Every structure is written in C-alpha cells, then in structure tokens.
Amino acid sequence: MIKKIYIALFICTLPLQLCAESGIYSPQQKRNFANENKTVNQAVTRDISQEALTNNQKAALPSASSDIMIIDPVKMASDWVQAFQTLSDKQVSTSTIFFKLKDHTKIANISDISTLPEGYLLLFTIKTLQGNIYKIIKTSEIDSIQTL
C-alpha cells in the first residue's frame, strides 16, 4: 500500500521536477519544488520504515496459532540417538537404518551415534569397507530417520 502511494507521489511530482529543472520557473519556485519533493520523500520513507518495523515486530511475536516450537538442542539430539537405538534394538540391521537430511541426502551404514557436549551436533560413525568414517551433523539438518 505504501509503495503504491510512493509511486503515485513520485509520478505526481515528476512533471514539477522536470519543469523546475528546465528553467521555466524562478529560483524561488525551484527551491519550493525541491523542498516539496524532499518533504514528500521523507514522509514516504518514514512511513515505509514504520511499516517495516511494525511488520518485523509482528513477525517476532509468536501468535497463538503459530506452528513454531522451540526445542532444547540437547533433548532433540538425545531423541535422535534414542530413535536410532530403538530401531537397532528391534533387530533391524543397522545397514538398513538411515537418516534423511533436509538437503535430501542420506546417511546409512551407521554403527554408532553420539551427542556432542552442547547437544547441537551429532557424531555419526559410519561403517565402510575401508574402515569407519566419522561425520558431524547439526541436529537441525536432520529431517527424519527411516529403515529400508
């Protein structure tokens, strides 16, 4: 809405600016046009800034119908580890358990998972023919855990 007003005001003042710059008007009239243009630009800029600030404040406040849930990283990491251990205990071969990441990559052949001290990172031990490979993944990057 504010952008439309700004564009309308700019279009309305454009002929005044062009006439003022072309030398048709006296120096006093040119100053008046310049001051009017400056005032309009300042008012529109202030309105846009206030609207942006208001929108940012609204976005920062969670609403009652918000789907955002804040989870402690330590608890999230322990949930992923427990999910892996539960699937491993169900006699599912560890080679068929894999983690799907948010970038659509998969981590498979996992032999062990451990949580790093702050709980935001997980250390994966992955079995390969050449030996174990270690990967550290952020818990926020994990999308799901699945079995084949």
C-alpha atoms as a PDB file:
ATOM      1  CA  MET A   1       0.000   0.000   0.000  1.00  0.00           C
ATOM      2  CA  ILE A   2       2.766   2.416   0.991  1.00  0.00           C
ATOM      3  CA  LYS A   3       4.756   1.525  -2.120  1.00  0.00           C
ATOM      4  CA  LYS A   4       1.746   2.382  -4.300  1.00  0.00           C
ATOM      5  CA  ILE A   5       1.430   5.745  -2.556  1.00  0.00           C
ATOM      6  CA  TYR A   6       5.136   6.398  -3.044  1.00  0.00           C
ATOM      7  CA  ILE A   7       4.915   5.594  -6.748  1.00  0.00           C
ATOM      8  CA  ALA A   8       1.803   7.792  -7.139  1.00  0.00           C
ATOM      9  CA  LEU A   9       3.500  10.703  -5.351  1.00  0.00           C
ATOM     10  CA  PHE A  10       6.632  10.262  -7.438  1.00  0.00           C
ATOM     11  CA  ILE A  11       4.612  10.309 -10.659  1.00  0.00           C
ATOM     12  CA  CYS A  12       2.684  13.397  -9.474  1.00  0.00           C
ATOM     13  CA  THR A  13       5.848  15.310  -8.617  1.00  0.00           C
ATOM     14  CA  LEU A  14       7.786  14.235 -11.719  1.00  0.00           C
ATOM     15  CA  PRO A  15       6.358  16.993 -14.002  1.00  0.00           C
ATOM     16  CA  LEU A  16       7.162  19.572 -11.313  1.00  0.00           C
ATOM     17  CA  GLN A  17      10.719  18.310 -11.091  1.00  0.00           C
ATOM     18  CA  LEU A  18      11.179  18.344 -14.856  1.00  0.00           C
ATOM     19  CA  CYS A  19       9.737  21.856 -15.175  1.00  0.00           C
ATOM     20  CA  ALA A  20      11.808  23.100 -12.247  1.00  0.00           C
ATOM     21  CA  GLU A  21      14.988  21.744 -13.787  1.00  0.00           C
ATOM     22  CA  SER A  22      14.224  23.090 -17.261  1.00  0.00           C
ATOM     23  CA  GLY A  23      14.476  26.750 -16.225  1.00  0.00           C
ATOM     24  CA  ILE A  24      10.834  27.749 -16.652  1.00  0.00           C
ATOM     25  CA  TYR A  25      10.434  28.728 -13.002  1.00  0.00           C
ATOM     26  CA  SER A  26      12.169  31.328 -10.888  1.00  0.00           C
ATOM     27  CA  PRO A  27      14.872  30.318  -8.401  1.00  0.00           C
ATOM     28  CA  GLN A  28      12.407  30.717  -5.527  1.00  0.00           C
ATOM     29  CA  GLN A  29       9.882  28.412  -7.214  1.00  0.00           C
ATOM     30  CA  LYS A  30      12.655  25.895  -7.900  1.00  0.00           C
ATOM     31  CA  ARG A  31      13.562  25.897  -4.176  1.00  0.00           C
ATOM     32  CA  ASN A  32       9.880  25.446  -3.288  1.00  0.00           C
ATOM     33  CA  PHE A  33       9.591  22.458  -5.635  1.00  0.00           C
ATOM     34  CA  ALA A  34      12.782  20.966  -4.236  1.00  0.00           C
ATOM     35  CA  ASN A  35      11.518  21.423  -0.655  1.00  0.00           C
ATOM     36  CA  GLU A  36       8.154  19.853  -1.505  1.00  0.00           C
ATOM     37  CA  ASN A  37       9.856  16.906  -3.166  1.00  0.00           C
ATOM     38  CA  LYS A  38      12.178  16.492  -0.171  1.00  0.00           C
ATOM     39  CA  THR A  39       9.239  16.610   2.246  1.00  0.00           C
ATOM     40  CA  VAL A  40       7.282  14.026   0.254  1.00  0.00           C
ATOM     41  CA  ASN A  41      10.282  11.689   0.051  1.00  0.00           C
ATOM     42  CA  GLN A  42      10.965  11.978   3.788  1.00  0.00           C
ATOM     43  CA  ALA A  43       7.321  11.287   4.672  1.00  0.00           C
ATOM     44  CA  VAL A  44       7.127   8.262   2.388  1.00  0.00           C
ATOM     45  CA  THR A  45      10.461   6.904   3.643  1.00  0.00           C
ATOM     46  CA  ARG A  46       9.332   7.340   7.255  1.00  0.00           C
ATOM     47  CA  ASP A  47       6.014   5.559   6.531  1.00  0.00           C
ATOM     48  CA  ILE A  48       7.772   2.678   4.797  1.00  0.00           C
ATOM     49  CA  SER A  49      10.271   2.377   7.672  1.00  0.00           C
ATOM     50  CA  GLN A  50       7.481   2.403  10.260  1.00  0.00           C
ATOM     51  CA  GLU A  51       5.527  -0.234   8.316  1.00  0.00           C
ATOM     52  CA  ALA A  52       8.625  -2.422   8.028  1.00  0.00           C
ATOM     53  CA  LEU A  53       9.291  -2.032  11.759  1.00  0.00           C
ATOM     54  CA  THR A  54       5.683  -2.931  12.565  1.00  0.00           C
ATOM     55  CA  ASN A  55       5.828  -5.993  10.300  1.00  0.00           C
ATOM     56  CA  ASN A  56       9.111  -7.115  11.895  1.00  0.00           C
ATOM     57  CA  GLN A  57       7.642  -6.725  15.368  1.00  0.00           C
ATOM     58  CA  LYS A  58       4.593  -8.769  14.353  1.00  0.00           C
ATOM     59  CA  ALA A  59       6.837 -11.481  12.939  1.00  0.00           C
ATOM     60  CA  ALA A  60       8.920 -11.562  16.111  1.00  0.00           C
ATOM     61  CA  LEU A  61       5.911 -12.153  18.355  1.00  0.00           C
ATOM     62  CA  PRO A  62       4.607 -15.728  18.229  1.00  0.00           C
ATOM     63  CA  SER A  63       0.888 -15.905  17.707  1.00  0.00           C
ATOM     64  CA  ALA A  64      -1.462 -18.330  19.385  1.00  0.00           C
ATOM     65  CA  SER A  65      -1.856 -20.264  16.126  1.00  0.00           C
ATOM     66  CA  SER A  66       1.879 -20.424  15.423  1.00  0.00           C
ATOM     67  CA  ASP A  67       3.384 -23.716  14.256  1.00  0.00           C
ATOM     68  CA  ILE A  68       6.799 -22.850  15.672  1.00  0.00           C
ATOM     69  CA  MET A  69       8.046 -24.951  18.540  1.00  0.00           C
ATOM     70  CA  ILE A  70      11.278 -24.242  20.391  1.00  0.00           C
ATOM     71  CA  ILE A  71      13.103 -27.400  21.456  1.00  0.00           C
ATOM     72  CA  ASP A  72      16.220 -27.690  23.576  1.00  0.00           C
ATOM     73  CA  PRO A  73      19.042 -28.950  21.297  1.00  0.00           C
ATOM     74  CA  VAL A  74      20.203 -31.456  23.918  1.00  0.00           C
ATOM     75  CA  LYS A  75      16.747 -33.047  24.029  1.00  0.00           C
ATOM     76  CA  MET A  76      16.485 -33.078  20.245  1.00  0.00           C
ATOM     77  CA  ALA A  77      19.865 -34.771  19.900  1.00  0.00           C
ATOM     78  CA  SER A  78      19.003 -37.354  22.553  1.00  0.00           C
ATOM     79  CA  ASP A  79      15.710 -38.068  20.745  1.00  0.00           C
ATOM     80  CA  TRP A  80      17.593 -38.831  17.518  1.00  0.00           C
ATOM     81  CA  VAL A  81      20.036 -41.094  19.394  1.00  0.00           C
ATOM     82  CA  GLN A  82      17.157 -42.885  21.160  1.00  0.00           C
ATOM     83  CA  ALA A  83      15.317 -43.352  17.870  1.00  0.00           C
ATOM     84  CA  PHE A  84      18.422 -44.954  16.360  1.00  0.00           C
ATOM     85  CA  GLN A  85      18.918 -47.201  19.405  1.00  0.00           C
ATOM     86  CA  THR A  86      15.248 -48.204  19.402  1.00  0.00           C
ATOM     87  CA  LEU A  87      15.384 -49.218  15.755  1.00  0.00           C
ATOM     88  CA  SER A  88      18.660 -51.067  16.384  1.00  0.00           C
ATOM     89  CA  ASP A  89      17.109 -52.926  19.355  1.00  0.00           C
ATOM     90  CA  LYS A  90      14.151 -54.026  17.220  1.00  0.00           C
ATOM     91  CA  GLN A  91      16.547 -56.381  15.437  1.00  0.00           C
ATOM     92  CA  VAL A  92      16.672 -54.118  12.406  1.00  0.00           C
ATOM     93  CA  SER A  93      20.029 -54.368  10.682  1.00  0.00           C
ATOM     94  CA  THR A  94      21.976 -51.142  11.208  1.00  0.00           C
ATOM     95  CA  SER A  95      22.776 -51.078   7.499  1.00  0.00           C
ATOM     96  CA  THR A  96      19.081 -50.531   6.759  1.00  0.00           C
ATOM     97  CA  ILE A  97      18.680 -47.619   9.195  1.00  0.00           C
ATOM     98  CA  PHE A  98      19.392 -44.268   7.628  1.00  0.00           C
ATOM     99  CA  PHE A  99      18.988 -40.614   8.440  1.00  0.00           C
ATOM    100  CA  LYS A 100      17.479 -38.365   5.801  1.00  0.00           C
ATOM    101  CA  LEU A 101      18.795 -34.790   5.913  1.00  0.00           C
ATOM    102  CA  LYS A 102      16.920 -31.651   4.888  1.00  0.00           C
ATOM    103  CA  ASP A 103      19.082 -31.336   1.771  1.00  0.00           C
ATOM    104  CA  HIS A 104      17.723 -34.794   0.729  1.00  0.00           C
ATOM    105  CA  THR A 105      20.988 -36.645   1.330  1.00  0.00           C
ATOM    106  CA  LYS A 106      21.029 -39.869   3.343  1.00  0.00           C
ATOM    107  CA  ILE A 107      23.405 -41.198   5.946  1.00  0.00           C
ATOM    108  CA  ALA A 108      23.382 -45.007   6.009  1.00  0.00           C
ATOM    109  CA  ASN A 109      25.533 -47.861   7.396  1.00  0.00           C
ATOM    110  CA  ILE A 110      25.605 -46.155  10.784  1.00  0.00           C
ATOM    111  CA  SER A 111      27.300 -48.170  13.519  1.00  0.00           C
ATOM    112  CA  ASP A 112      27.085 -45.586  16.308  1.00  0.00           C
ATOM    113  CA  ILE A 113      25.758 -42.138  17.123  1.00  0.00           C
ATOM    114  CA  SER A 114      26.892 -39.911  19.954  1.00  0.00           C
ATOM    115  CA  THR A 115      25.846 -36.469  21.057  1.00  0.00           C
ATOM    116  CA  LEU A 116      28.494 -33.796  21.405  1.00  0.00           C
ATOM    117  CA  PRO A 117      28.563 -31.906  24.752  1.00  0.00           C
ATOM    118  CA  GLU A 118      26.335 -28.959  23.829  1.00  0.00           C
ATOM    119  CA  GLY A 119      23.802 -31.226  22.147  1.00  0.00           C
ATOM    120  CA  TYR A 120      23.586 -29.292  18.903  1.00  0.00           C
ATOM    121  CA  LEU A 121      25.802 -31.688  16.949  1.00  0.00           C
ATOM    122  CA  LEU A 122      25.701 -35.450  16.454  1.00  0.00           C
ATOM    123  CA  LEU A 123      28.743 -37.602  15.695  1.00  0.00           C
ATOM    124  CA  PHE A 124      27.935 -40.425  13.288  1.00  0.00           C
ATOM    125  CA  THR A 125      30.219 -43.437  12.990  1.00  0.00           C
ATOM    126  CA  ILE A 126      29.697 -44.934   9.535  1.00  0.00           C
ATOM    127  CA  LYS A 127      30.935 -48.391   8.520  1.00  0.00           C
ATOM    128  CA  THR A 128      32.716 -48.672   5.181  1.00  0.00           C
ATOM    129  CA  LEU A 129      34.973 -51.286   3.592  1.00  0.00           C
ATOM    130  CA  GLN A 130      37.974 -49.025   4.255  1.00  0.00           C
ATOM    131  CA  GLY A 131      37.072 -48.619   7.933  1.00  0.00           C
ATOM    132  CA  ASN A 132      34.993 -46.218   9.956  1.00  0.00           C
ATOM    133  CA  ILE A 133      34.161 -42.747   8.722  1.00  0.00           C
ATOM    134  CA  TYR A 134      33.024 -40.039  11.103  1.00  0.00           C
ATOM    135  CA  LYS A 135      30.531 -37.318  10.242  1.00  0.00           C
ATOM    136  CA  ILE A 136      29.352 -34.466  12.402  1.00  0.00           C
ATOM    137  CA  ILE A 137      25.866 -33.208  11.567  1.00  0.00           C
ATOM    138  CA  LYS A 138      23.780 -30.422  13.095  1.00  0.00           C
ATOM    139  CA  THR A 139      20.580 -31.736  14.670  1.00  0.00           C
ATOM    140  CA  SER A 140      18.658 -29.008  12.820  1.00  0.00           C
ATOM    141  CA  GLU A 141      19.764 -30.522   9.484  1.00  0.00           C
ATOM    142  CA  ILE A 142      18.169 -33.903  10.211  1.00  0.00           C
ATOM    143  CA  ASP A 143      14.777 -34.407   8.625  1.00  0.00           C
ATOM    144  CA  SER A 144      13.926 -37.990   9.580  1.00  0.00           C
ATOM    145  CA  ILE A 145      15.174 -41.456  10.486  1.00  0.00           C
ATOM    146  CA  GLN A 146      13.982 -44.399   8.419  1.00  0.00           C
ATOM    147  CA  THR A 147      14.539 -48.052   7.704  1.00  0.00           C
ATOM    148  CA  LEU A 148      14.568 -49.793   4.353  1.00  0.00           C
END
